[in-house]
Amino acid sequence: MVAEILSLSKARKAKARAVKEQTAAQNRVKFGRTKAERQLEKARDALETQRIDAHRLKPEDSEG
């Protein structure tokens, strides 16, 4: 019976990498959005702003 030699520093680093990867995976699920989703939201915000500005009584550009 021969025991396998294990480097403790490598084991600690491997464990830390695993924990870090697990946290990253959770954050991707929690905060991640696709590029298409971000662009769609930006387009909807621009359209909403345009619609609101179209209903203003006085344009902001004109003075007096």
PDB file of N, CA and C in Angstrom:
ATOM      1  N   MET A   1       0.830  -1.171   0.000  1.00  0.00           N
ATOM      2  CA  MET A   1       0.000   0.000   0.000  1.00  0.00           C
ATOM      3  C   MET A   1       0.880   1.241   0.000  1.00  0.00           C
ATOM      4  N   VAL A   2       0.819   2.000  -1.094  1.00  0.00           N
ATOM      5  CA  VAL A   2       1.643   3.190  -1.213  1.00  0.00           C
ATOM      6  C   VAL A   2       0.735   4.407  -1.192  1.00  0.00           C
ATOM      7  N   ALA A   3       1.053   5.329  -0.289  1.00  0.00           N
ATOM      8  CA  ALA A   3       0.255   6.549  -0.173  1.00  0.00           C
ATOM      9  C   ALA A   3       0.665   7.539  -1.246  1.00  0.00           C
ATOM     10  N   GLU A   4      -0.306   8.259  -1.742  1.00  0.00           N
ATOM     11  CA  GLU A   4      -0.024   9.272  -2.750  1.00  0.00           C
ATOM     12  C   GLU A   4       0.433  10.543  -2.055  1.00  0.00           C
ATOM     13  N   ILE A   5       1.528  11.107  -2.526  1.00  0.00           N
ATOM     14  CA  ILE A   5       2.063  12.332  -1.939  1.00  0.00           C
ATOM     15  C   ILE A   5       1.242  13.507  -2.453  1.00  0.00           C
ATOM     16  N   LEU A   6       0.849  14.366  -1.514  1.00  0.00           N
ATOM     17  CA  LEU A   6      -0.024  15.482  -1.849  1.00  0.00           C
ATOM     18  C   LEU A   6       0.605  16.779  -1.372  1.00  0.00           C
ATOM     19  N   SER A   7       0.708  17.727  -2.239  1.00  0.00           N
ATOM     20  CA  SER A   7       1.226  19.036  -1.876  1.00  0.00           C
ATOM     21  C   SER A   7       0.086  19.844  -1.265  1.00  0.00           C
ATOM     22  N   LEU A   8       0.253  20.287  -0.036  1.00  0.00           N
ATOM     23  CA  LEU A   8      -0.805  21.022   0.649  1.00  0.00           C
ATOM     24  C   LEU A   8      -1.056  22.381   0.002  1.00  0.00           C
ATOM     25  N   SER A   9      -0.005  23.016  -0.471  1.00  0.00           N
ATOM     26  CA  SER A   9      -0.195  24.328  -1.096  1.00  0.00           C
ATOM     27  C   SER A   9      -1.001  24.194  -2.382  1.00  0.00           C
ATOM     28  N   LYS A  10      -0.743  23.143  -3.158  1.00  0.00           N
ATOM     29  CA  LYS A  10      -1.514  22.924  -4.378  1.00  0.00           C
ATOM     30  C   LYS A  10      -2.962  22.590  -4.045  1.00  0.00           C
ATOM     31  N   ALA A  11      -3.170  21.841  -2.972  1.00  0.00           N
ATOM     32  CA  ALA A  11      -4.528  21.484  -2.567  1.00  0.00           C
ATOM     33  C   ALA A  11      -5.302  22.722  -2.120  1.00  0.00           C
ATOM     34  N   ARG A  12      -4.654  23.613  -1.371  1.00  0.00           N
ATOM     35  CA  ARG A  12      -5.302  24.852  -0.930  1.00  0.00           C
ATOM     36  C   ARG A  12      -5.666  25.719  -2.132  1.00  0.00           C
ATOM     37  N   LYS A  13      -4.733  25.847  -3.076  1.00  0.00           N
ATOM     38  CA  LYS A  13      -4.981  26.663  -4.265  1.00  0.00           C
ATOM     39  C   LYS A  13      -6.122  26.072  -5.101  1.00  0.00           C
ATOM     40  N   ALA A  14      -6.155  24.764  -5.224  1.00  0.00           N
ATOM     41  CA  ALA A  14      -7.221  24.115  -5.991  1.00  0.00           C
ATOM     42  C   ALA A  14      -8.575  24.352  -5.329  1.00  0.00           C
ATOM     43  N   LYS A  15      -8.608  24.265  -3.999  1.00  0.00           N
ATOM     44  CA  LYS A  15      -9.847  24.498  -3.272  1.00  0.00           C
ATOM     45  C   LYS A  15     -10.294  25.946  -3.431  1.00  0.00           C
ATOM     46  N   ALA A  16      -9.358  26.885  -3.363  1.00  0.00           N
ATOM     47  CA  ALA A  16      -9.688  28.301  -3.530  1.00  0.00           C
ATOM     48  C   ALA A  16     -10.224  28.570  -4.935  1.00  0.00           C
ATOM     49  N   ARG A  17      -9.621  27.937  -5.950  1.00  0.00           N
ATOM     50  CA  ARG A  17     -10.106  28.106  -7.323  1.00  0.00           C
ATOM     51  C   ARG A  17     -11.523  27.572  -7.470  1.00  0.00           C
ATOM     52  N   ALA A  18     -11.796  26.449  -6.843  1.00  0.00           N
ATOM     53  CA  ALA A  18     -13.127  25.852  -6.925  1.00  0.00           C
ATOM     54  C   ALA A  18     -14.177  26.755  -6.274  1.00  0.00           C
ATOM     55  N   VAL A  19     -13.831  27.320  -5.135  1.00  0.00           N
ATOM     56  CA  VAL A  19     -14.754  28.229  -4.441  1.00  0.00           C
ATOM     57  C   VAL A  19     -14.987  29.475  -5.280  1.00  0.00           C
ATOM     58  N   LYS A  20     -13.922  30.005  -5.854  1.00  0.00           N
ATOM     59  CA  LYS A  20     -14.019  31.199  -6.686  1.00  0.00           C
ATOM     60  C   LYS A  20     -14.881  30.938  -7.920  1.00  0.00           C
ATOM     61  N   GLU A  21     -14.706  29.791  -8.544  1.00  0.00           N
ATOM     62  CA  GLU A  21     -15.498  29.427  -9.718  1.00  0.00           C
ATOM     63  C   GLU A  21     -16.966  29.269  -9.355  1.00  0.00           C
ATOM     64  N   GLN A  22     -17.245  28.694  -8.187  1.00  0.00           N
ATOM     65  CA  GLN A  22     -18.625  28.524  -7.754  1.00  0.00           C
ATOM     66  C   GLN A  22     -19.282  29.891  -7.529  1.00  0.00           C
ATOM     67  N   THR A  23     -18.564  30.813  -6.905  1.00  0.00           N
ATOM     68  CA  THR A  23     -19.081  32.163  -6.687  1.00  0.00           C
ATOM     69  C   THR A  23     -19.324  32.865  -8.018  1.00  0.00           C
ATOM     70  N   ALA A  24     -18.409  32.704  -8.951  1.00  0.00           N
ATOM     71  CA  ALA A  24     -18.556  33.316 -10.273  1.00  0.00           C
ATOM     72  C   ALA A  24     -19.781  32.758 -10.993  1.00  0.00           C
ATOM     73  N   ALA A  25     -20.014  31.469 -10.882  1.00  0.00           N
ATOM     74  CA  ALA A  25     -21.172  30.850 -11.519  1.00  0.00           C
ATOM     75  C   ALA A  25     -22.474  31.408 -10.932  1.00  0.00           C
ATOM     76  N   GLN A  26     -22.501  31.578  -9.630  1.00  0.00           N
ATOM     77  CA  GLN A  26     -23.686  32.144  -8.989  1.00  0.00           C
ATOM     78  C   GLN A  26     -23.911  33.579  -9.443  1.00  0.00           C
ATOM     79  N   ASN A  27     -22.837  34.357  -9.575  1.00  0.00           N
ATOM     80  CA  ASN A  27     -22.959  35.738 -10.020  1.00  0.00           C
ATOM     81  C   ASN A  27     -23.412  35.824 -11.473  1.00  0.00           C
ATOM     82  N   ARG A  28     -22.965  34.893 -12.297  1.00  0.00           N
ATOM     83  CA  ARG A  28     -23.409  34.887 -13.695  1.00  0.00           C
ATOM     84  C   ARG A  28     -24.912  34.658 -13.782  1.00  0.00           C
ATOM     85  N   VAL A  29     -25.420  33.781 -12.944  1.00  0.00           N
ATOM     86  CA  VAL A  29     -26.851  33.519 -12.937  1.00  0.00           C
ATOM     87  C   VAL A  29     -27.607  34.725 -12.387  1.00  0.00           C
ATOM     88  N   LYS A  30     -27.072  35.329 -11.344  1.00  0.00           N
ATOM     89  CA  LYS A  30     -27.753  36.419 -10.658  1.00  0.00           C
ATOM     90  C   LYS A  30     -27.721  37.719 -11.452  1.00  0.00           C
ATOM     91  N   PHE A  31     -26.567  38.079 -12.022  1.00  0.00           N
ATOM     92  CA  PHE A  31     -26.399  39.378 -12.641  1.00  0.00           C
ATOM     93  C   PHE A  31     -26.243  39.337 -14.154  1.00  0.00           C
ATOM     94  N   GLY A  32     -26.000  38.197 -14.705  1.00  0.00           N
ATOM     95  CA  GLY A  32     -25.659  38.116 -16.121  1.00  0.00           C
ATOM     96  C   GLY A  32     -26.833  38.370 -17.044  1.00  0.00           C
ATOM     97  N   ARG A  33     -26.564  39.157 -18.080  1.00  0.00           N
ATOM     98  CA  ARG A  33     -27.531  39.375 -19.148  1.00  0.00           C
ATOM     99  C   ARG A  33     -26.771  39.281 -20.464  1.00  0.00           C
ATOM    100  N   THR A  34     -27.466  38.849 -21.467  1.00  0.00           N
ATOM    101  CA  THR A  34     -26.820  38.740 -22.767  1.00  0.00           C
ATOM    102  C   THR A  34     -26.702  40.125 -23.393  1.00  0.00           C
ATOM    103  N   LYS A  35     -25.857  40.226 -24.397  1.00  0.00           N
ATOM    104  CA  LYS A  35     -25.668  41.497 -25.096  1.00  0.00           C
ATOM    105  C   LYS A  35     -26.986  41.941 -25.727  1.00  0.00           C
ATOM    106  N   ALA A  36     -27.730  41.010 -26.276  1.00  0.00           N
ATOM    107  CA  ALA A  36     -29.010  41.327 -26.897  1.00  0.00           C
ATOM    108  C   ALA A  36     -29.995  41.902 -25.870  1.00  0.00           C
ATOM    109  N   GLU A  37     -30.005  41.357 -24.674  1.00  0.00           N
ATOM    110  CA  GLU A  37     -30.890  41.868 -23.629  1.00  0.00           C
ATOM    111  C   GLU A  37     -30.518  43.294 -23.247  1.00  0.00           C
ATOM    112  N   ARG A  38     -29.204  43.570 -23.131  1.00  0.00           N
ATOM    113  CA  ARG A  38     -28.757  44.930 -22.796  1.00  0.00           C
ATOM    114  C   ARG A  38     -29.113  45.917 -23.901  1.00  0.00           C
ATOM    115  N   GLN A  39     -28.940  45.511 -25.160  1.00  0.00           N
ATOM    116  CA  GLN A  39     -29.263  46.393 -26.278  1.00  0.00           C
ATOM    117  C   GLN A  39     -30.768  46.648 -26.365  1.00  0.00           C
ATOM    118  N   LEU A  40     -31.561  45.631 -26.114  1.00  0.00           N
ATOM    119  CA  LEU A  40     -33.013  45.779 -26.135  1.00  0.00           C
ATOM    120  C   LEU A  40     -33.462  46.759 -25.057  1.00  0.00           C
ATOM    121  N   GLU A  41     -32.902  46.636 -23.867  1.00  0.00           N
ATOM    122  CA  GLU A  41     -33.257  47.549 -22.789  1.00  0.00           C
ATOM    123  C   GLU A  41     -32.852  48.982 -23.131  1.00  0.00           C
ATOM    124  N   LYS A  42     -31.690  49.151 -23.722  1.00  0.00           N
ATOM    125  CA  LYS A  42     -31.217  50.484 -24.108  1.00  0.00           C
ATOM    126  C   LYS A  42     -32.143  51.088 -25.165  1.00  0.00           C
ATOM    127  N   ALA A  43     -32.565  50.289 -26.135  1.00  0.00           N
ATOM    128  CA  ALA A  43     -33.473  50.764 -27.184  1.00  0.00           C
ATOM    129  C   ALA A  43     -34.832  51.137 -26.599  1.00  0.00           C
ATOM    130  N   ARG A  44     -35.333  50.335 -25.682  1.00  0.00           N
ATOM    131  CA  ARG A  44     -36.624  50.641 -25.049  1.00  0.00           C
ATOM    132  C   ARG A  44     -36.541  51.927 -24.238  1.00  0.00           C
ATOM    133  N   ASP A  45     -35.438  52.131 -23.523  1.00  0.00           N
ATOM    134  CA  ASP A  45     -35.258  53.362 -22.755  1.00  0.00           C
ATOM    135  C   ASP A  45     -35.206  54.577 -23.676  1.00  0.00           C
ATOM    136  N   ALA A  46     -34.516  54.454 -24.805  1.00  0.00           N
ATOM    137  CA  ALA A  46     -34.430  55.562 -25.756  1.00  0.00           C
ATOM    138  C   ALA A  46     -35.805  55.879 -26.332  1.00  0.00           C
ATOM    139  N   LEU A  47     -36.573  54.863 -26.659  1.00  0.00           N
ATOM    140  CA  LEU A  47     -37.912  55.066 -27.197  1.00  0.00           C
ATOM    141  C   LEU A  47     -38.819  55.722 -26.164  1.00  0.00           C
ATOM    142  N   GLU A  48     -38.719  55.283 -24.938  1.00  0.00           N
ATOM    143  CA  GLU A  48     -39.524  55.862 -23.866  1.00  0.00           C
ATOM    144  C   GLU A  48     -39.172  57.329 -23.658  1.00  0.00           C
ATOM    145  N   THR A  49     -37.897  57.648 -23.664  1.00  0.00           N
ATOM    146  CA  THR A  49     -37.455  59.032 -23.518  1.00  0.00           C
ATOM    147  C   THR A  49     -37.960  59.875 -24.679  1.00  0.00           C
ATOM    148  N   GLN A  50     -37.914  59.341 -25.881  1.00  0.00           N
ATOM    149  CA  GLN A  50     -38.386  60.050 -27.063  1.00  0.00           C
ATOM    150  C   GLN A  50     -39.890  60.315 -26.958  1.00  0.00           C
ATOM    151  N   ARG A  51     -40.653  59.356 -26.499  1.00  0.00           N
ATOM    152  CA  ARG A  51     -42.099  59.535 -26.359  1.00  0.00           C
ATOM    153  C   ARG A  51     -42.428  60.583 -25.299  1.00  0.00           C
ATOM    154  N   ILE A  52     -41.704  60.570 -24.202  1.00  0.00           N
ATOM    155  CA  ILE A  52     -41.931  61.556 -23.139  1.00  0.00           C
ATOM    156  C   ILE A  52     -41.586  62.947 -23.638  1.00  0.00           C
ATOM    157  N   ASP A  53     -40.464  63.093 -24.330  1.00  0.00           N
ATOM    158  CA  ASP A  53     -40.054  64.386 -24.857  1.00  0.00           C
ATOM    159  C   ASP A  53     -41.047  64.905 -25.892  1.00  0.00           C
ATOM    160  N   ALA A  54     -41.703  64.036 -26.641  1.00  0.00           N
ATOM    161  CA  ALA A  54     -42.664  64.458 -27.648  1.00  0.00           C
ATOM    162  C   ALA A  54     -43.913  65.071 -27.021  1.00  0.00           C
ATOM    163  N   HIS A  55     -44.176  64.788 -25.774  1.00  0.00           N
ATOM    164  CA  HIS A  55     -45.364  65.299 -25.101  1.00  0.00           C
ATOM    165  C   HIS A  55     -45.090  66.545 -24.273  1.00  0.00           C
ATOM    166  N   ARG A  56     -43.909  67.071 -24.343  1.00  0.00           N
ATOM    167  CA  ARG A  56     -43.592  68.280 -23.583  1.00  0.00           C
ATOM    168  C   ARG A  56     -44.317  69.478 -24.191  1.00  0.00           C
ATOM    169  N   LEU A  57     -44.727  70.412 -23.329  1.00  0.00           N
ATOM    170  CA  LEU A  57     -45.391  71.623 -23.806  1.00  0.00           C
ATOM    171  C   LEU A  57     -44.383  72.610 -24.400  1.00  0.00           C
ATOM    172  N   LYS A  58     -43.251  72.772 -23.729  1.00  0.00           N
ATOM    173  CA  LYS A  58     -42.212  73.669 -24.218  1.00  0.00           C
ATOM    174  C   LYS A  58     -40.934  72.855 -24.409  1.00  0.00           C
ATOM    175  N   PRO A  59     -40.343  72.950 -25.569  1.00  0.00           N
ATOM    176  CA  PRO A  59     -39.054  72.267 -25.742  1.00  0.00           C
ATOM    177  C   PRO A  59     -37.985  72.876 -24.857  1.00  0.00           C
ATOM    178  N   GLU A  60     -37.062  72.078 -24.411  1.00  0.00           N
ATOM    179  CA  GLU A  60     -36.002  72.554 -23.519  1.00  0.00           C
ATOM    180  C   GLU A  60     -35.015  73.447 -24.253  1.00  0.00           C
ATOM    181  N   ASP A  61     -34.908  73.304 -25.568  1.00  0.00           N
ATOM    182  CA  ASP A  61     -33.908  74.048 -26.343  1.00  0.00           C
ATOM    183  C   ASP A  61     -34.247  75.532 -26.437  1.00  0.00           C
ATOM    184  N   SER A  62     -35.505  75.883 -26.549  1.00  0.00           N
ATOM    185  CA  SER A  62     -35.867  77.287 -26.740  1.00  0.00           C
ATOM    186  C   SER A  62     -35.845  78.032 -25.408  1.00  0.00           C
ATOM    187  N   GLU A  63     -35.344  79.253 -25.474  1.00  0.00           N
ATOM    188  CA  GLU A  63     -35.281  80.097 -24.269  1.00  0.00           C
ATOM    189  C   GLU A  63     -36.259  81.255 -24.422  1.00  0.00           C
ATOM    190  N   GLY A  64     -36.888  81.661 -23.301  1.00  0.00           N
ATOM    191  CA  GLY A  64     -37.710  82.850 -23.270  1.00  0.00           C
ATOM    192  C   GLY A  64     -39.044  82.623 -23.776  1.00  0.00           C
TER     193      GLY A  64
END
